[in-house]
Protein backbone atom coordinates (compact mmCIF):
# COMPACT_ATOMS: atom_id res chain seq x y z
CA MET A 1 0.53 -16.15 -9.19
CA ALA A 2 -0.95 -19.42 -10.43
CA LEU A 3 -0.77 -18.27 -14.04
CA THR A 4 2.85 -17.08 -13.96
CA LYS A 5 4.14 -19.69 -11.53
CA ASN A 6 2.46 -22.81 -12.91
CA VAL A 7 0.33 -22.42 -16.03
CA MET A 8 2.60 -20.33 -18.24
CA PRO A 9 5.86 -22.23 -17.52
CA LYS A 10 4.05 -25.50 -18.26
CA LEU A 11 2.73 -24.12 -21.55
CA ALA A 12 6.22 -22.85 -22.43
CA ARG A 13 7.56 -26.39 -22.02
CA THR A 14 4.74 -28.00 -24.01
CA THR A 15 2.43 -26.27 -26.49
CA HIS A 16 4.00 -22.79 -26.50
CA GLY A 17 7.63 -23.65 -27.24
CA HIS A 18 8.01 -20.49 -29.33
CA TRP A 19 7.83 -18.28 -26.23
CA PRO A 20 11.12 -16.50 -25.41
CA VAL A 21 11.03 -17.43 -21.70
CA ARG A 22 10.31 -20.60 -19.72
CA ASN A 23 10.80 -19.79 -16.03
CA ASP A 24 8.15 -18.50 -13.65
CA HIS A 25 10.22 -15.51 -12.51
CA CYS A 26 10.61 -14.40 -16.13
CA PHE A 27 6.85 -14.43 -16.71
CA GLN A 28 6.38 -12.54 -13.45
CA ARG A 29 8.98 -9.93 -14.47
CA ILE A 30 7.39 -9.39 -17.87
CA VAL A 31 3.82 -9.13 -16.60
CA LEU A 32 4.66 -6.94 -13.60
CA ASP A 33 6.82 -4.60 -15.68
CA ALA A 34 4.01 -4.25 -18.24
CA VAL A 35 1.44 -3.55 -15.54
CA CYS A 36 3.70 -0.95 -13.90
CA GLY A 37 4.94 0.62 -17.14
CA GLY A 38 8.54 0.10 -16.11
CA VAL A 39 10.71 -1.94 -13.78
CA TRP A 40 8.12 -3.17 -11.29
CA TYR A 41 10.25 -2.77 -8.18
CA ASP A 42 10.64 0.93 -8.97
CA HIS A 43 6.85 1.16 -8.54
CA LEU A 44 5.95 -1.50 -5.98
CA ASN A 45 7.29 -2.67 -2.66
CA ARG A 46 8.41 -6.28 -2.42
CA PRO A 47 6.89 -8.80 -2.57
CA ALA A 48 4.88 -7.55 -5.52
CA TYR A 49 1.96 -9.93 -5.06
CA LYS A 50 1.26 -8.42 -1.63
CA ASN A 51 1.51 -4.84 -2.85
CA LEU A 52 -0.46 -4.80 -6.10
CA THR A 53 -3.72 -2.88 -6.14
CA PHE A 54 -6.86 -4.78 -7.08
CA GLN A 55 -6.81 -2.97 -10.44
CA GLN A 56 -3.20 -4.07 -11.06
CA VAL A 57 -4.11 -7.66 -10.20
CA GLU A 58 -6.98 -7.55 -12.69
CA GLN A 59 -4.69 -6.06 -15.33
CA ALA A 60 -2.02 -8.72 -14.68
CA VAL A 61 -4.50 -11.59 -14.95
CA ARG A 62 -5.99 -10.10 -18.12
CA LEU A 63 -2.51 -9.75 -19.63
CA CYS A 64 -1.62 -13.35 -18.74
CA ASP A 65 -4.83 -14.54 -20.39
CA GLN A 66 -4.03 -12.47 -23.49
CA ILE A 67 -0.50 -13.86 -23.67
CA ILE A 68 -1.77 -17.43 -23.34
CA ALA A 69 -4.40 -16.85 -26.05
CA GLY A 70 -1.83 -15.25 -28.36
CA ASP A 71 -3.59 -11.89 -28.22
CA ALA A 72 -0.61 -10.18 -26.53
CA ASP A 73 2.90 -10.42 -27.97
CA LEU A 74 5.12 -12.02 -25.31
CA VAL A 75 8.23 -11.44 -27.43
CA ALA A 76 7.53 -7.69 -27.57
CA LEU A 77 6.59 -7.54 -23.88
CA ASN A 78 9.81 -9.32 -22.93
CA ALA A 79 11.86 -7.02 -25.17
CA GLN A 80 10.30 -3.92 -23.59
CA SER A 81 10.91 -5.28 -20.10
CA LEU A 82 14.57 -5.82 -20.94
CA VAL A 83 14.86 -2.29 -22.39
CA TRP A 84 13.42 -0.82 -19.18
CA ARG A 85 16.03 -2.81 -17.26
CA GLY A 86 18.91 -1.66 -19.47
CA LYS A 87 19.54 -5.19 -20.75
CA ALA A 88 18.55 -4.53 -24.36
CA ARG A 89 18.35 -1.64 -26.74
CA PRO A 90 15.03 -0.44 -28.12
CA THR A 91 14.18 -1.95 -31.49
CA LYS A 92 13.72 0.40 -34.38
CA ILE A 93 10.29 0.12 -35.99
CA GLU A 94 10.42 0.40 -39.75
CA GLY A 95 7.59 2.03 -41.57
């Protein structure tokens, strides 16, 4: 919670201005969807933070750390989250 509610939004407003989102609920959506492999509330009861397994918590914290370090692509994670939610179309990968 501290990472998505405080740390990441602050970074988005300061040193990480290239991130596609700024608000805490957006970071929470992206991380929870990635951890669940789909729309988080299709996999977890609300509130999510009370219903995550210990393994999911570890995975979420690790993903937040990777995003902050630039080792996980927040743009791609956000895009996938939006696809799962029907708010964007999948991007075609050339190659």
